[in-house]
Amino acid sequence: MKTTLEIESKLELVEETVEQLLLVSKADALVREKLELCLHEVLNNAVVHGNASDPNKRVQIQMFVKDGRLQFRISDEARSLADNALDIAELPGFEATSGRGLALVKTLLPESKIDAGDTVLVV
């Protein structure tokens, strides 16, 4: 199974895209909750930070199974994330308005990684 989606860099498209991916993934309830939050965070990061919310830029999401594990590769058109971005991610304080995304991914889906600048969620 391999599914590829591509969306414009618009935050209003993230919710619908996450719902589509969750339906196709057929993840069980516990995994679904973790995956939903992580997909939201990574797609929001790709739209806002990677593509600077430029609707002319695209975010690509690939869903596939590798080594028996469901995986998602999220790519944007801008700067690449450093390979150690997940390793050094930490939750910010309560007053912070951003900066939680990669730290949540690291906590909820710890086998996820950055590969060639793309975020790869490993379920």
PDB file of N, CA and C in Angstrom:
ATOM      1  N   MET A   1       0.840  -1.179   0.000  1.00  0.00           N
ATOM      2  CA  MET A   1       0.000   0.000   0.000  1.00  0.00           C
ATOM      3  C   MET A   1       0.883   1.239   0.000  1.00  0.00           C
ATOM      4  N   LYS A   2       0.665   2.130  -0.925  1.00  0.00           N
ATOM      5  CA  LYS A   2       1.338   3.425  -0.942  1.00  0.00           C
ATOM      6  C   LYS A   2       0.336   4.457  -1.417  1.00  0.00           C
ATOM      7  N   THR A   3       0.207   5.514  -0.630  1.00  0.00           N
ATOM      8  CA  THR A   3      -0.697   6.596  -0.947  1.00  0.00           C
ATOM      9  C   THR A   3       0.092   7.895  -0.930  1.00  0.00           C
ATOM     10  N   THR A   4      -0.131   8.742  -1.922  1.00  0.00           N
ATOM     11  CA  THR A   4       0.531  10.041  -1.965  1.00  0.00           C
ATOM     12  C   THR A   4      -0.519  11.125  -2.103  1.00  0.00           C
ATOM     13  N   LEU A   5      -0.410  12.132  -1.256  1.00  0.00           N
ATOM     14  CA  LEU A   5      -1.282  13.306  -1.318  1.00  0.00           C
ATOM     15  C   LEU A   5      -0.400  14.535  -1.449  1.00  0.00           C
ATOM     16  N   GLU A   6      -0.919  15.556  -2.084  1.00  0.00           N
ATOM     17  CA  GLU A   6      -0.214  16.823  -2.181  1.00  0.00           C
ATOM     18  C   GLU A   6      -1.231  17.918  -1.931  1.00  0.00           C
ATOM     19  N   ILE A   7      -0.882  18.842  -1.031  1.00  0.00           N
ATOM     20  CA  ILE A   7      -1.802  19.928  -0.703  1.00  0.00           C
ATOM     21  C   ILE A   7      -1.094  21.272  -0.850  1.00  0.00           C
ATOM     22  N   GLU A   8      -1.896  22.320  -1.051  1.00  0.00           N
ATOM     23  CA  GLU A   8      -1.384  23.679  -1.030  1.00  0.00           C
ATOM     24  C   GLU A   8      -0.995  24.011   0.408  1.00  0.00           C
ATOM     25  N   SER A   9      -0.096  24.954   0.579  1.00  0.00           N
ATOM     26  CA  SER A   9       0.331  25.360   1.922  1.00  0.00           C
ATOM     27  C   SER A   9      -0.695  26.290   2.553  1.00  0.00           C
ATOM     28  N   LYS A  10      -1.803  25.701   2.964  1.00  0.00           N
ATOM     29  CA  LYS A  10      -2.884  26.437   3.624  1.00  0.00           C
ATOM     30  C   LYS A  10      -3.267  25.650   4.869  1.00  0.00           C
ATOM     31  N   LEU A  11      -3.241  26.310   6.023  1.00  0.00           N
ATOM     32  CA  LEU A  11      -3.570  25.632   7.276  1.00  0.00           C
ATOM     33  C   LEU A  11      -4.972  25.037   7.261  1.00  0.00           C
ATOM     34  N   GLU A  12      -5.899  25.677   6.552  1.00  0.00           N
ATOM     35  CA  GLU A  12      -7.271  25.171   6.537  1.00  0.00           C
ATOM     36  C   GLU A  12      -7.394  23.821   5.828  1.00  0.00           C
ATOM     37  N   LEU A  13      -6.377  23.393   5.106  1.00  0.00           N
ATOM     38  CA  LEU A  13      -6.399  22.086   4.446  1.00  0.00           C
ATOM     39  C   LEU A  13      -5.843  20.961   5.320  1.00  0.00           C
ATOM     40  N   VAL A  14      -5.186  21.321   6.411  1.00  0.00           N
ATOM     41  CA  VAL A  14      -4.525  20.311   7.248  1.00  0.00           C
ATOM     42  C   VAL A  14      -5.530  19.354   7.874  1.00  0.00           C
ATOM     43  N   GLU A  15      -6.598  19.861   8.458  1.00  0.00           N
ATOM     44  CA  GLU A  15      -7.580  19.017   9.159  1.00  0.00           C
ATOM     45  C   GLU A  15      -8.165  17.957   8.232  1.00  0.00           C
ATOM     46  N   GLU A  16      -8.620  18.376   7.067  1.00  0.00           N
ATOM     47  CA  GLU A  16      -9.217  17.441   6.108  1.00  0.00           C
ATOM     48  C   GLU A  16      -8.185  16.408   5.639  1.00  0.00           C
ATOM     49  N   THR A  17      -6.963  16.839   5.436  1.00  0.00           N
ATOM     50  CA  THR A  17      -5.905  15.929   4.990  1.00  0.00           C
ATOM     51  C   THR A  17      -5.609  14.885   6.057  1.00  0.00           C
ATOM     52  N   VAL A  18      -5.535  15.311   7.306  1.00  0.00           N
ATOM     53  CA  VAL A  18      -5.289  14.366   8.408  1.00  0.00           C
ATOM     54  C   VAL A  18      -6.418  13.347   8.475  1.00  0.00           C
ATOM     55  N   GLU A  19      -7.656  13.800   8.359  1.00  0.00           N
ATOM     56  CA  GLU A  19      -8.793  12.875   8.406  1.00  0.00           C
ATOM     57  C   GLU A  19      -8.730  11.856   7.270  1.00  0.00           C
ATOM     58  N   GLN A  20      -8.381  12.303   6.069  1.00  0.00           N
ATOM     59  CA  GLN A  20      -8.252  11.378   4.937  1.00  0.00           C
ATOM     60  C   GLN A  20      -7.177  10.332   5.207  1.00  0.00           C
ATOM     61  N   LEU A  21      -6.036  10.769   5.718  1.00  0.00           N
ATOM     62  CA  LEU A  21      -4.934   9.848   6.001  1.00  0.00           C
ATOM     63  C   LEU A  21      -5.307   8.847   7.089  1.00  0.00           C
ATOM     64  N   LEU A  22      -6.012   9.300   8.106  1.00  0.00           N
ATOM     65  CA  LEU A  22      -6.430   8.394   9.184  1.00  0.00           C
ATOM     66  C   LEU A  22      -7.414   7.352   8.676  1.00  0.00           C
ATOM     67  N   LEU A  23      -8.318   7.747   7.792  1.00  0.00           N
ATOM     68  CA  LEU A  23      -9.271   6.787   7.226  1.00  0.00           C
ATOM     69  C   LEU A  23      -8.556   5.711   6.412  1.00  0.00           C
ATOM     70  N   VAL A  24      -7.637   6.129   5.583  1.00  0.00           N
ATOM     71  CA  VAL A  24      -6.913   5.184   4.734  1.00  0.00           C
ATOM     72  C   VAL A  24      -5.987   4.294   5.559  1.00  0.00           C
ATOM     73  N   SER A  25      -5.419   4.831   6.634  1.00  0.00           N
ATOM     74  CA  SER A  25      -4.454   4.072   7.442  1.00  0.00           C
ATOM     75  C   SER A  25      -5.096   2.927   8.217  1.00  0.00           C
ATOM     76  N   LYS A  26      -6.381   3.085   8.558  1.00  0.00           N
ATOM     77  CA  LYS A  26      -7.103   2.081   9.346  1.00  0.00           C
ATOM     78  C   LYS A  26      -6.404   1.782  10.673  1.00  0.00           C
ATOM     79  N   ALA A  27      -5.788   2.805  11.268  1.00  0.00           N
ATOM     80  CA  ALA A  27      -5.097   2.652  12.548  1.00  0.00           C
ATOM     81  C   ALA A  27      -6.106   2.402  13.665  1.00  0.00           C
ATOM     82  N   ASP A  28      -5.698   1.588  14.666  1.00  0.00           N
ATOM     83  CA  ASP A  28      -6.585   1.346  15.808  1.00  0.00           C
ATOM     84  C   ASP A  28      -6.680   2.610  16.662  1.00  0.00           C
ATOM     85  N   ALA A  29      -7.581   2.624  17.631  1.00  0.00           N
ATOM     86  CA  ALA A  29      -7.918   3.837  18.380  1.00  0.00           C
ATOM     87  C   ALA A  29      -6.718   4.462  19.087  1.00  0.00           C
ATOM     88  N   LEU A  30      -5.893   3.670  19.762  1.00  0.00           N
ATOM     89  CA  LEU A  30      -4.749   4.221  20.495  1.00  0.00           C
ATOM     90  C   LEU A  30      -3.732   4.833  19.531  1.00  0.00           C
ATOM     91  N   VAL A  31      -3.412   4.111  18.489  1.00  0.00           N
ATOM     92  CA  VAL A  31      -2.453   4.603  17.501  1.00  0.00           C
ATOM     93  C   VAL A  31      -3.039   5.813  16.784  1.00  0.00           C
ATOM     94  N   ARG A  32      -4.316   5.766  16.520  1.00  0.00           N
ATOM     95  CA  ARG A  32      -4.978   6.854  15.794  1.00  0.00           C
ATOM     96  C   ARG A  32      -4.828   8.186  16.525  1.00  0.00           C
ATOM     97  N   GLU A  33      -5.002   8.189  17.842  1.00  0.00           N
ATOM     98  CA  GLU A  33      -4.887   9.426  18.613  1.00  0.00           C
ATOM     99  C   GLU A  33      -3.487  10.007  18.518  1.00  0.00           C
ATOM    100  N   LYS A  34      -2.470   9.170  18.682  1.00  0.00           N
ATOM    101  CA  LYS A  34      -1.081   9.632  18.578  1.00  0.00           C
ATOM    102  C   LYS A  34      -0.794  10.127  17.169  1.00  0.00           C
ATOM    103  N   LEU A  35      -1.209   9.354  16.190  1.00  0.00           N
ATOM    104  CA  LEU A  35      -0.951   9.681  14.793  1.00  0.00           C
ATOM    105  C   LEU A  35      -1.644  10.974  14.393  1.00  0.00           C
ATOM    106  N   GLU A  36      -2.875  11.155  14.838  1.00  0.00           N
ATOM    107  CA  GLU A  36      -3.621  12.367  14.507  1.00  0.00           C
ATOM    108  C   GLU A  36      -2.881  13.608  15.001  1.00  0.00           C
ATOM    109  N   LEU A  37      -2.441  13.588  16.246  1.00  0.00           N
ATOM    110  CA  LEU A  37      -1.732  14.735  16.802  1.00  0.00           C
ATOM    111  C   LEU A  37      -0.417  14.981  16.060  1.00  0.00           C
ATOM    112  N   CYS A  38       0.337  13.911  15.811  1.00  0.00           N
ATOM    113  CA  CYS A  38       1.625  14.055  15.124  1.00  0.00           C
ATOM    114  C   CYS A  38       1.459  14.549  13.692  1.00  0.00           C
ATOM    115  N   LEU A  39       0.483  14.024  12.975  1.00  0.00           N
ATOM    116  CA  LEU A  39       0.237  14.496  11.608  1.00  0.00           C
ATOM    117  C   LEU A  39      -0.125  15.980  11.595  1.00  0.00           C
ATOM    118  N   HIS A  40      -0.987  16.391  12.527  1.00  0.00           N
ATOM    119  CA  HIS A  40      -1.350  17.812  12.620  1.00  0.00           C
ATOM    120  C   HIS A  40      -0.109  18.665  12.834  1.00  0.00           C
ATOM    121  N   GLU A  41       0.723  18.267  13.784  1.00  0.00           N
ATOM    122  CA  GLU A  41       1.902  19.065  14.116  1.00  0.00           C
ATOM    123  C   GLU A  41       2.869  19.157  12.935  1.00  0.00           C
ATOM    124  N   VAL A  42       3.148  18.024  12.301  1.00  0.00           N
ATOM    125  CA  VAL A  42       4.127  18.008  11.221  1.00  0.00           C
ATOM    126  C   VAL A  42       3.594  18.737   9.982  1.00  0.00           C
ATOM    127  N   LEU A  43       2.327  18.548   9.661  1.00  0.00           N
ATOM    128  CA  LEU A  43       1.760  19.260   8.511  1.00  0.00           C
ATOM    129  C   LEU A  43       1.687  20.767   8.771  1.00  0.00           C
ATOM    130  N   ASN A  44       1.301  21.154   9.991  1.00  0.00           N
ATOM    131  CA  ASN A  44       1.310  22.579  10.334  1.00  0.00           C
ATOM    132  C   ASN A  44       2.717  23.154  10.198  1.00  0.00           C
ATOM    133  N   ASN A  45       3.722  22.421  10.681  1.00  0.00           N
ATOM    134  CA  ASN A  45       5.110  22.878  10.559  1.00  0.00           C
ATOM    135  C   ASN A  45       5.507  23.041   9.097  1.00  0.00           C
ATOM    136  N   ALA A  46       5.127  22.082   8.262  1.00  0.00           N
ATOM    137  CA  ALA A  46       5.484  22.147   6.844  1.00  0.00           C
ATOM    138  C   ALA A  46       4.853  23.365   6.174  1.00  0.00           C
ATOM    139  N   VAL A  47       3.588  23.640   6.507  1.00  0.00           N
ATOM    140  CA  VAL A  47       2.886  24.787   5.918  1.00  0.00           C
ATOM    141  C   VAL A  47       3.470  26.103   6.427  1.00  0.00           C
ATOM    142  N   VAL A  48       3.565  26.248   7.752  1.00  0.00           N
ATOM    143  CA  VAL A  48       3.933  27.529   8.360  1.00  0.00           C
ATOM    144  C   VAL A  48       5.435  27.787   8.297  1.00  0.00           C
ATOM    145  N   HIS A  49       6.232  26.831   8.738  1.00  0.00           N
ATOM    146  CA  HIS A  49       7.674  27.053   8.844  1.00  0.00           C
ATOM    147  C   HIS A  49       8.403  26.679   7.552  1.00  0.00           C
ATOM    148  N   GLY A  50       8.043  25.554   6.967  1.00  0.00           N
ATOM    149  CA  GLY A  50       8.724  25.117   5.754  1.00  0.00           C
ATOM    150  C   GLY A  50       8.383  25.959   4.545  1.00  0.00           C
ATOM    151  N   ASN A  51       7.094  26.179   4.322  1.00  0.00           N
ATOM    152  CA  ASN A  51       6.656  26.897   3.116  1.00  0.00           C
ATOM    153  C   ASN A  51       6.181  28.318   3.394  1.00  0.00           C
ATOM    154  N   ALA A  52       6.373  28.798   4.614  1.00  0.00           N
ATOM    155  CA  ALA A  52       6.008  30.171   4.988  1.00  0.00           C
ATOM    156  C   ALA A  52       4.563  30.511   4.615  1.00  0.00           C
ATOM    157  N   SER A  53       3.672  29.532   4.723  1.00  0.00           N
ATOM    158  CA  SER A  53       2.240  29.703   4.415  1.00  0.00           C
ATOM    159  C   SER A  53       1.995  30.239   3.011  1.00  0.00           C
ATOM    160  N   ASP A  54       2.893  29.969   2.102  1.00  0.00           N
ATOM    161  CA  ASP A  54       2.759  30.404   0.716  1.00  0.00           C
ATOM    162  C   ASP A  54       1.864  29.408  -0.025  1.00  0.00           C
ATOM    163  N   PRO A  55       0.631  29.791  -0.402  1.00  0.00           N
ATOM    164  CA  PRO A  55      -0.291  28.854  -1.042  1.00  0.00           C
ATOM    165  C   PRO A  55       0.185  28.360  -2.405  1.00  0.00           C
ATOM    166  N   ASN A  56       1.208  28.997  -2.956  1.00  0.00           N
ATOM    167  CA  ASN A  56       1.768  28.544  -4.224  1.00  0.00           C
ATOM    168  C   ASN A  56       2.753  27.392  -4.037  1.00  0.00           C
ATOM    169  N   LYS A  57       3.133  27.153  -2.787  1.00  0.00           N
ATOM    170  CA  LYS A  57       4.025  26.032  -2.486  1.00  0.00           C
ATOM    171  C   LYS A  57       3.189  24.848  -2.025  1.00  0.00           C
ATOM    172  N   ARG A  58       3.752  23.652  -2.153  1.00  0.00           N
ATOM    173  CA  ARG A  58       3.016  22.421  -1.870  1.00  0.00           C
ATOM    174  C   ARG A  58       3.671  21.641  -0.735  1.00  0.00           C
ATOM    175  N   VAL A  59       2.839  20.857  -0.067  1.00  0.00           N
ATOM    176  CA  VAL A  59       3.301  19.881   0.921  1.00  0.00           C
ATOM    177  C   VAL A  59       2.907  18.514   0.393  1.00  0.00           C
ATOM    178  N   GLN A  60       3.852  17.597   0.366  1.00  0.00           N
ATOM    179  CA  GLN A  60       3.587  16.242  -0.119  1.00  0.00           C
ATOM    180  C   GLN A  60       3.625  15.273   1.064  1.00  0.00           C
ATOM    181  N   ILE A  61       2.654  14.366   1.089  1.00  0.00           N
ATOM    182  CA  ILE A  61       2.568  13.352   2.129  1.00  0.00           C
ATOM    183  C   ILE A  61       2.516  11.990   1.448  1.00  0.00           C
ATOM    184  N   GLN A  62       3.440  11.134   1.811  1.00  0.00           N
ATOM    185  CA  GLN A  62       3.434   9.752   1.320  1.00  0.00           C
ATOM    186  C   GLN A  62       3.153   8.844   2.504  1.00  0.00           C
ATOM    187  N   MET A  63       2.221   7.919   2.334  1.00  0.00           N
ATOM    188  CA  MET A  63       1.913   6.926   3.359  1.00  0.00           C
ATOM    189  C   MET A  63       2.249   5.570   2.767  1.00  0.00           C
ATOM    190  N   PHE A  64       3.041   4.775   3.507  1.00  0.00           N
ATOM    191  CA  PHE A  64       3.476   3.483   2.996  1.00  0.00           C
ATOM    192  C   PHE A  64       3.833   2.566   4.159  1.00  0.00           C
ATOM    193  N   VAL A  65       4.000   1.295   3.854  1.00  0.00           N
ATOM    194  CA  VAL A  65       4.443   0.318   4.843  1.00  0.00           C
ATOM    195  C   VAL A  65       5.865  -0.088   4.489  1.00  0.00           C
ATOM    196  N   LYS A  66       6.736  -0.034   5.478  1.00  0.00           N
ATOM    197  CA  LYS A  66       8.132  -0.432   5.297  1.00  0.00           C
ATOM    198  C   LYS A  66       8.537  -1.255   6.510  1.00  0.00           C
ATOM    199  N   ASP A  67       9.118  -2.415   6.255  1.00  0.00           N
ATOM    200  CA  ASP A  67       9.519  -3.325   7.336  1.00  0.00           C
ATOM    201  C   ASP A  67       8.355  -3.614   8.286  1.00  0.00           C
ATOM    202  N   GLY A  68       7.150  -3.722   7.713  1.00  0.00           N
ATOM    203  CA  GLY A  68       5.970  -4.049   8.511  1.00  0.00           C
ATOM    204  C   GLY A  68       5.427  -2.898   9.338  1.00  0.00           C
ATOM    205  N   ARG A  69       5.939  -1.689   9.149  1.00  0.00           N
ATOM    206  CA  ARG A  69       5.513  -0.528   9.934  1.00  0.00           C
ATOM    207  C   ARG A  69       4.901   0.533   9.026  1.00  0.00           C
ATOM    208  N   LEU A  70       3.802   1.084   9.463  1.00  0.00           N
ATOM    209  CA  LEU A  70       3.161   2.178   8.749  1.00  0.00           C
ATOM    210  C   LEU A  70       4.028   3.430   8.897  1.00  0.00           C
ATOM    211  N   GLN A  71       4.302   4.111   7.781  1.00  0.00           N
ATOM    212  CA  GLN A  71       5.140   5.298   7.817  1.00  0.00           C
ATOM    213  C   GLN A  71       4.535   6.404   6.954  1.00  0.00           C
ATOM    214  N   PHE A  72       4.846   7.626   7.332  1.00  0.00           N
ATOM    215  CA  PHE A  72       4.411   8.813   6.610  1.00  0.00           C
ATOM    216  C   PHE A  72       5.633   9.683   6.366  1.00  0.00           C
ATOM    217  N   ARG A  73       5.860  10.076   5.120  1.00  0.00           N
ATOM    218  CA  ARG A  73       6.949  11.009   4.785  1.00  0.00           C
ATOM    219  C   ARG A  73       6.309  12.325   4.382  1.00  0.00           C
ATOM    220  N   ILE A  74       6.657  13.386   5.126  1.00  0.00           N
ATOM    221  CA  ILE A  74       6.099  14.706   4.873  1.00  0.00           C
ATOM    222  C   ILE A  74       7.212  15.599   4.338  1.00  0.00           C
ATOM    223  N   SER A  75       6.977  16.179   3.152  1.00  0.00           N
ATOM    224  CA  SER A  75       7.970  17.024   2.482  1.00  0.00           C
ATOM    225  C   SER A  75       7.366  18.377   2.171  1.00  0.00           C
ATOM    226  N   ASP A  76       8.169  19.420   2.334  1.00  0.00           N
ATOM    227  CA  ASP A  76       7.747  20.743   1.892  1.00  0.00           C
ATOM    228  C   ASP A  76       8.766  21.254   0.881  1.00  0.00           C
ATOM    229  N   GLU A  77       8.553  22.451   0.376  1.00  0.00           N
ATOM    230  CA  GLU A  77       9.407  22.977  -0.689  1.00  0.00           C
ATOM    231  C   GLU A  77      10.532  23.866  -0.189  1.00  0.00           C
ATOM    232  N   ALA A  78      10.673  24.009   1.090  1.00  0.00           N
ATOM    233  CA  ALA A  78      11.630  24.976   1.612  1.00  0.00           C
ATOM    234  C   ALA A  78      12.850  24.306   2.228  1.00  0.00           C
ATOM    235  N   ARG A  79      13.422  25.008   3.157  1.00  0.00           N
ATOM    236  CA  ARG A  79      14.633  24.529   3.811  1.00  0.00           C
ATOM    237  C   ARG A  79      14.412  23.161   4.434  1.00  0.00           C
ATOM    238  N   SER A  80      15.437  22.398   4.468  1.00  0.00           N
ATOM    239  CA  SER A  80      15.364  21.063   5.057  1.00  0.00           C
ATOM    240  C   SER A  80      15.596  21.135   6.555  1.00  0.00           C
ATOM    241  N   LEU A  81      14.947  20.234   7.255  1.00  0.00           N
ATOM    242  CA  LEU A  81      15.222  20.096   8.679  1.00  0.00           C
ATOM    243  C   LEU A  81      16.570  19.409   8.858  1.00  0.00           C
ATOM    244  N   ALA A  82      17.267  19.776   9.895  1.00  0.00           N
ATOM    245  CA  ALA A  82      18.519  19.100  10.224  1.00  0.00           C
ATOM    246  C   ALA A  82      18.220  17.666  10.629  1.00  0.00           C
ATOM    247  N   ASP A  83      19.121  16.752  10.293  1.00  0.00           N
ATOM    248  CA  ASP A  83      18.900  15.343  10.616  1.00  0.00           C
ATOM    249  C   ASP A  83      18.718  15.099  12.112  1.00  0.00           C
ATOM    250  N   ASN A  84      19.259  15.971  12.953  1.00  0.00           N
ATOM    251  CA  ASN A  84      19.140  15.772  14.400  1.00  0.00           C
ATOM    252  C   ASN A  84      18.003  16.594  15.019  1.00  0.00           C
ATOM    253  N   ALA A  85      17.126  17.172  14.205  1.00  0.00           N
ATOM    254  CA  ALA A  85      16.064  18.045  14.715  1.00  0.00           C
ATOM    255  C   ALA A  85      15.165  17.344  15.730  1.00  0.00           C
ATOM    256  N   LEU A  86      14.837  16.082  15.495  1.00  0.00           N
ATOM    257  CA  LEU A  86      14.012  15.352  16.467  1.00  0.00           C
ATOM    258  C   LEU A  86      14.797  15.033  17.723  1.00  0.00           C
ATOM    259  N   ASP A  87      16.069  14.717  17.578  1.00  0.00           N
ATOM    260  CA  ASP A  87      16.895  14.370  18.736  1.00  0.00           C
ATOM    261  C   ASP A  87      17.001  15.519  19.727  1.00  0.00           C
ATOM    262  N   ILE A  88      17.081  16.744  19.233  1.00  0.00           N
ATOM    263  CA  ILE A  88      17.279  17.890  20.122  1.00  0.00           C
ATOM    264  C   ILE A  88      15.979  18.611  20.493  1.00  0.00           C
ATOM    265  N   ALA A  89      14.852  18.158  19.961  1.00  0.00           N
ATOM    266  CA  ALA A  89      13.562  18.810  20.238  1.00  0.00           C
ATOM    267  C   ALA A  89      13.189  18.648  21.705  1.00  0.00           C
ATOM    268  N   GLU A  90      12.767  19.746  22.315  1.00  0.00           N
ATOM    269  CA  GLU A  90      12.309  19.738  23.702  1.00  0.00           C
ATOM    270  C   GLU A  90      11.020  20.539  23.799  1.00  0.00           C
ATOM    271  N   LEU A  91      10.158  20.129  24.725  1.00  0.00           N
ATOM    272  CA  LEU A  91       8.913  20.866  24.924  1.00  0.00           C
ATOM    273  C   LEU A  91       9.223  22.241  25.513  1.00  0.00           C
ATOM    274  N   PRO A  92       8.626  23.296  24.954  1.00  0.00           N
ATOM    275  CA  PRO A  92       8.830  24.639  25.512  1.00  0.00           C
ATOM    276  C   PRO A  92       7.963  24.821  26.758  1.00  0.00           C
ATOM    277  N   GLY A  93       8.137  25.922  27.442  1.00  0.00           N
ATOM    278  CA  GLY A  93       7.319  26.234  28.613  1.00  0.00           C
ATOM    279  C   GLY A  93       5.870  26.490  28.237  1.00  0.00           C
ATOM    280  N   PHE A  94       5.024  26.580  29.244  1.00  0.00           N
ATOM    281  CA  PHE A  94       3.586  26.767  29.027  1.00  0.00           C
ATOM    282  C   PHE A  94       3.246  28.057  28.299  1.00  0.00           C
ATOM    283  N   GLU A  95       4.059  29.081  28.481  1.00  0.00           N
ATOM    284  CA  GLU A  95       3.762  30.373  27.875  1.00  0.00           C
ATOM    285  C   GLU A  95       4.095  30.428  26.383  1.00  0.00           C
ATOM    286  N   ALA A  96       4.830  29.454  25.887  1.00  0.00           N
ATOM    287  CA  ALA A  96       5.238  29.447  24.472  1.00  0.00           C
ATOM    288  C   ALA A  96       4.029  29.258  23.558  1.00  0.00           C
ATOM    289  N   THR A  97       4.052  29.943  22.417  1.00  0.00           N
ATOM    290  CA  THR A  97       2.963  29.823  21.452  1.00  0.00           C
ATOM    291  C   THR A  97       3.318  28.884  20.306  1.00  0.00           C
ATOM    292  N   SER A  98       4.565  28.419  20.259  1.00  0.00           N
ATOM    293  CA  SER A  98       4.980  27.453  19.240  1.00  0.00           C
ATOM    294  C   SER A  98       6.174  26.663  19.770  1.00  0.00           C
ATOM    295  N   GLY A  99       6.607  25.681  18.970  1.00  0.00           N
ATOM    296  CA  GLY A  99       7.784  24.917  19.347  1.00  0.00           C
ATOM    297  C   GLY A  99       7.510  23.550  19.932  1.00  0.00           C
ATOM    298  N   ARG A 100       6.252  23.130  19.929  1.00  0.00           N
ATOM    299  CA  ARG A 100       5.905  21.839  20.528  1.00  0.00           C
ATOM    300  C   ARG A 100       5.917  20.675  19.543  1.00  0.00           C
ATOM    301  N   GLY A 101       5.768  20.952  18.263  1.00  0.00           N
ATOM    302  CA  GLY A 101       5.525  19.928  17.260  1.00  0.00           C
ATOM    303  C   GLY A 101       6.502  18.774  17.259  1.00  0.00           C
ATOM    304  N   LEU A 102       7.782  19.047  17.040  1.00  0.00           N
ATOM    305  CA  LEU A 102       8.761  17.966  16.960  1.00  0.00           C
ATOM    306  C   LEU A 102       8.953  17.263  18.301  1.00  0.00           C
ATOM    307  N   ALA A 103       8.840  18.019  19.405  1.00  0.00           N
ATOM    308  CA  ALA A 103       8.959  17.387  20.723  1.00  0.00           C
ATOM    309  C   ALA A 103       7.818  16.398  20.955  1.00  0.00           C
ATOM    310  N   LEU A 104       6.620  16.743  20.516  1.00  0.00           N
ATOM    311  CA  LEU A 104       5.484  15.816  20.652  1.00  0.00           C
ATOM    312  C   LEU A 104       5.687  14.580  19.779  1.00  0.00           C
ATOM    313  N   VAL A 105       6.166  14.773  18.563  1.00  0.00           N
ATOM    314  CA  VAL A 105       6.438  13.634  17.678  1.00  0.00           C
ATOM    315  C   VAL A 105       7.464  12.710  18.327  1.00  0.00           C
ATOM    316  N   LYS A 106       8.534  13.289  18.856  1.00  0.00           N
ATOM    317  CA  LYS A 106       9.597  12.512  19.501  1.00  0.00           C
ATOM    318  C   LYS A 106       9.047  11.686  20.660  1.00  0.00           C
ATOM    319  N   THR A 107       8.097  12.251  21.399  1.00  0.00           N
ATOM    320  CA  THR A 107       7.517  11.568  22.563  1.00  0.00           C
ATOM    321  C   THR A 107       6.496  10.508  22.153  1.00  0.00           C
ATOM    322  N   LEU A 108       5.606  10.847  21.230  1.00  0.00           N
ATOM    323  CA  LEU A 108       4.498   9.958  20.890  1.00  0.00           C
ATOM    324  C   LEU A 108       4.864   8.875  19.875  1.00  0.00           C
ATOM    325  N   LEU A 109       5.738   9.188  18.933  1.00  0.00           N
ATOM    326  CA  LEU A 109       6.169   8.226  17.910  1.00  0.00           C
ATOM    327  C   LEU A 109       7.699   8.230  17.882  1.00  0.00           C
ATOM    328  N   PRO A 110       8.324   7.642  18.914  1.00  0.00           N
ATOM    329  CA  PRO A 110       9.777   7.784  19.115  1.00  0.00           C
ATOM    330  C   PRO A 110      10.668   7.195  18.019  1.00  0.00           C
ATOM    331  N   GLU A 111      10.144   6.363  17.159  1.00  0.00           N
ATOM    332  CA  GLU A 111      10.967   5.817  16.076  1.00  0.00           C
ATOM    333  C   GLU A 111      10.940   6.690  14.825  1.00  0.00           C
ATOM    334  N   SER A 112      10.235   7.801  14.902  1.00  0.00           N
ATOM    335  CA  SER A 112      10.193   8.745  13.786  1.00  0.00           C
ATOM    336  C   SER A 112      11.567   9.371  13.613  1.00  0.00           C
ATOM    337  N   LYS A 113      11.781   9.967  12.425  1.00  0.00           N
ATOM    338  CA  LYS A 113      13.117  10.496  12.123  1.00  0.00           C
ATOM    339  C   LYS A 113      13.026  11.598  11.082  1.00  0.00           C
ATOM    340  N   ILE A 114      14.149  12.278  10.904  1.00  0.00           N
ATOM    341  CA  ILE A 114      14.310  13.223   9.809  1.00  0.00           C
ATOM    342  C   ILE A 114      15.220  12.532   8.804  1.00  0.00           C
ATOM    343  N   ASP A 115      14.781  12.469   7.555  1.00  0.00           N
ATOM    344  CA  ASP A 115      15.536  11.782   6.512  1.00  0.00           C
ATOM    345  C   ASP A 115      15.602  12.682   5.287  1.00  0.00           C
ATOM    346  N   ALA A 116      16.795  13.094   4.930  1.00  0.00           N
ATOM    347  CA  ALA A 116      16.999  13.982   3.774  1.00  0.00           C
ATOM    348  C   ALA A 116      16.131  15.237   3.869  1.00  0.00           C
ATOM    349  N   GLY A 117      15.978  15.753   5.088  1.00  0.00           N
ATOM    350  CA  GLY A 117      15.199  16.973   5.310  1.00  0.00           C
ATOM    351  C   GLY A 117      13.712  16.770   5.448  1.00  0.00           C
ATOM    352  N   ASP A 118      13.209  15.576   5.198  1.00  0.00           N
ATOM    353  CA  ASP A 118      11.786  15.262   5.335  1.00  0.00           C
ATOM    354  C   ASP A 118      11.529  14.641   6.704  1.00  0.00           C
ATOM    355  N   THR A 119      10.356  14.901   7.253  1.00  0.00           N
ATOM    356  CA  THR A 119       9.954  14.239   8.488  1.00  0.00           C
ATOM    357  C   THR A 119       9.314  12.912   8.134  1.00  0.00           C
ATOM    358  N   VAL A 120       9.766  11.837   8.778  1.00  0.00           N
ATOM    359  CA  VAL A 120       9.206  10.500   8.560  1.00  0.00           C
ATOM    360  C   VAL A 120       8.618  10.019   9.878  1.00  0.00           C
ATOM    361  N   LEU A 121       7.286   9.889   9.916  1.00  0.00           N
ATOM    362  CA  LEU A 121       6.608   9.360  11.100  1.00  0.00           C
ATOM    363  C   LEU A 121       6.573   7.843  10.966  1.00  0.00           C
ATOM    364  N   VAL A 122       7.045   7.156  12.010  1.00  0.00           N
ATOM    365  CA  VAL A 122       7.034   5.691  12.033  1.00  0.00           C
ATOM    366  C   VAL A 122       6.062   5.260  13.118  1.00  0.00           C
ATOM    367  N   VAL A 123       5.000   4.574  12.722  1.00  0.00           N
ATOM    368  CA  VAL A 123       3.945   4.143  13.650  1.00  0.00           C
ATOM    369  C   VAL A 123       4.259   2.762  14.165  1.00  0.00           C
TER     370      VAL A 123
END
